[in-house]
Amino acid sequence: MGRPKKEFTARKTIQVNVRMTVYDYSKVSNNAETIGLSITELIRRKITKKSLPKKKVSPSDRKLFVELSRVGNNLNQIAKVVNSGICDPFSIHRQLKEVKTLLQYLKSYITKNDR
């Protein structure tokens, strides 16, 4: 027994052709490939505002996110000390140096991987 036929209103009977530049096409194609959809399905989901699959995060990007999280944590600690009225310039200076070091590491990592 075959699959039951869809109702007429549920069938995809209308075709829309769209012209775009090579740049736009490569952008759409790359986006579709990244999330694992066909170009047609990506466009259909975008215009109907349906949810798109989440992108998979590569291990190297996950490492980058962890480092950024550490930087944010350090900045929160600095803000807490400054806002509490406790002024310990040596501790703040040490934390700022650590933030600067982490940011330099991230910058070199990004430029090395040529994103």
Protein backbone atom coordinates (compact mmCIF):
# COMPACT_ATOMS: atom_id res chain seq x y z
CA MET A 1 0.00 0.00 0.00
CA GLY A 2 1.37 3.38 -1.01
CA ARG A 3 1.48 6.59 0.91
CA PRO A 4 -1.89 8.36 1.13
CA LYS A 5 -2.32 11.36 -1.14
CA LYS A 6 -2.08 14.82 0.41
CA GLU A 7 -4.98 17.22 0.28
CA PHE A 8 -4.80 19.65 -2.61
CA THR A 9 -4.06 22.61 -0.29
CA ALA A 10 -1.13 20.75 1.30
CA ARG A 11 0.54 19.97 -2.04
CA LYS A 12 3.40 22.12 -3.27
CA THR A 13 2.00 22.98 -6.68
CA ILE A 14 3.26 26.54 -7.18
CA GLN A 15 6.81 27.18 -8.31
CA VAL A 16 8.53 30.56 -7.80
CA ASN A 17 11.73 31.38 -9.67
CA VAL A 18 14.09 33.89 -8.11
CA ARG A 19 17.02 35.63 -9.74
CA MET A 20 20.01 36.56 -7.63
CA THR A 21 23.61 37.58 -7.99
CA VAL A 22 26.43 35.07 -7.81
CA TYR A 23 27.39 36.57 -4.43
CA ASP A 24 23.85 36.16 -3.05
CA TYR A 25 23.63 32.60 -4.37
CA SER A 26 26.95 31.61 -2.83
CA LYS A 27 25.87 33.14 0.48
CA VAL A 28 22.54 31.26 0.48
CA SER A 29 24.23 28.06 -0.67
CA ASN A 30 26.86 28.30 2.06
CA ASN A 31 24.20 28.97 4.74
CA ALA A 32 22.13 25.99 3.57
CA GLU A 33 25.15 23.72 3.53
CA THR A 34 26.21 24.84 7.01
CA ILE A 35 22.93 23.81 8.59
CA GLY A 36 22.34 20.78 6.37
CA LEU A 37 19.33 21.90 4.30
CA SER A 38 18.75 22.26 0.60
CA ILE A 39 18.69 25.80 -0.75
CA THR A 40 14.97 25.45 -1.50
CA GLU A 41 14.16 24.27 2.03
CA LEU A 42 16.27 27.05 3.57
CA ILE A 43 14.45 29.73 1.56
CA ARG A 44 11.05 28.15 2.30
CA ARG A 45 11.76 28.11 6.05
CA LYS A 46 13.11 31.67 6.02
CA ILE A 47 10.09 33.20 4.28
CA THR A 48 7.58 31.26 6.37
CA LYS A 49 9.53 32.06 9.57
CA LYS A 50 9.83 28.42 10.54
CA SER A 51 12.68 27.44 12.81
CA LEU A 52 16.02 26.49 11.33
CA PRO A 53 18.23 23.69 12.66
CA LYS A 54 21.01 24.75 15.02
CA LYS A 55 24.49 24.90 13.61
CA LYS A 56 26.90 22.33 14.92
CA VAL A 57 29.79 23.93 16.77
CA SER A 58 33.20 22.61 15.84
CA PRO A 59 35.61 21.66 18.64
CA SER A 60 37.90 24.59 17.79
CA ASP A 61 34.98 27.03 17.97
CA ARG A 62 33.87 25.49 21.27
CA LYS A 63 37.38 26.17 22.61
CA LEU A 64 37.05 29.77 21.46
CA PHE A 65 33.68 30.12 23.23
CA VAL A 66 35.20 28.78 26.46
CA GLU A 67 37.98 31.36 26.28
CA LEU A 68 35.47 34.15 25.65
CA SER A 69 33.48 32.95 28.64
CA ARG A 70 36.60 33.21 30.78
CA VAL A 71 37.18 36.76 29.61
CA GLY A 72 33.60 37.65 30.49
CA ASN A 73 34.00 36.06 33.92
CA ASN A 74 37.14 38.11 34.59
CA LEU A 75 35.39 41.31 33.55
CA ASN A 76 32.46 40.51 35.87
CA GLN A 77 34.87 39.99 38.77
CA ILE A 78 36.52 43.33 38.05
CA ALA A 79 33.16 45.10 37.86
CA LYS A 80 32.09 43.52 41.17
CA VAL A 81 35.23 44.74 42.95
CA VAL A 82 34.94 48.24 41.49
CA ASN A 83 31.22 48.54 42.34
CA SER A 84 31.62 47.19 45.88
CA GLY A 85 33.76 50.15 46.91
CA ILE A 86 36.67 47.92 47.85
CA CYS A 87 39.61 49.37 46.03
CA ASP A 88 42.48 46.95 45.56
CA PRO A 89 44.33 48.30 42.55
CA PHE A 90 46.88 45.45 42.51
CA SER A 91 44.18 42.78 42.23
CA ILE A 92 42.34 44.73 39.54
CA HIS A 93 45.61 45.35 37.69
CA ARG A 94 46.40 41.61 37.79
CA GLN A 95 42.92 40.71 36.49
CA LEU A 96 43.15 43.27 33.71
CA LYS A 97 46.49 41.79 32.65
CA GLU A 98 44.88 38.34 32.56
CA VAL A 99 42.00 39.66 30.43
CA LYS A 100 44.48 41.31 28.07
CA THR A 101 46.46 38.06 27.77
CA LEU A 102 43.32 36.06 26.99
CA LEU A 103 42.22 38.57 24.38
CA GLN A 104 45.64 38.48 22.73
CA TYR A 105 45.47 34.67 22.66
CA LEU A 106 42.02 34.76 21.06
CA LYS A 107 43.14 37.33 18.50
CA SER A 108 46.14 35.24 17.49
CA TYR A 109 43.97 32.09 17.36
CA ILE A 110 41.43 33.76 15.07
CA THR A 111 44.05 35.23 12.74
CA LYS A 112 45.96 31.91 12.65
CA ASN A 113 42.81 30.01 11.61
CA ASP A 114 41.95 32.67 8.99
CA ARG A 115 38.23 32.85 9.58
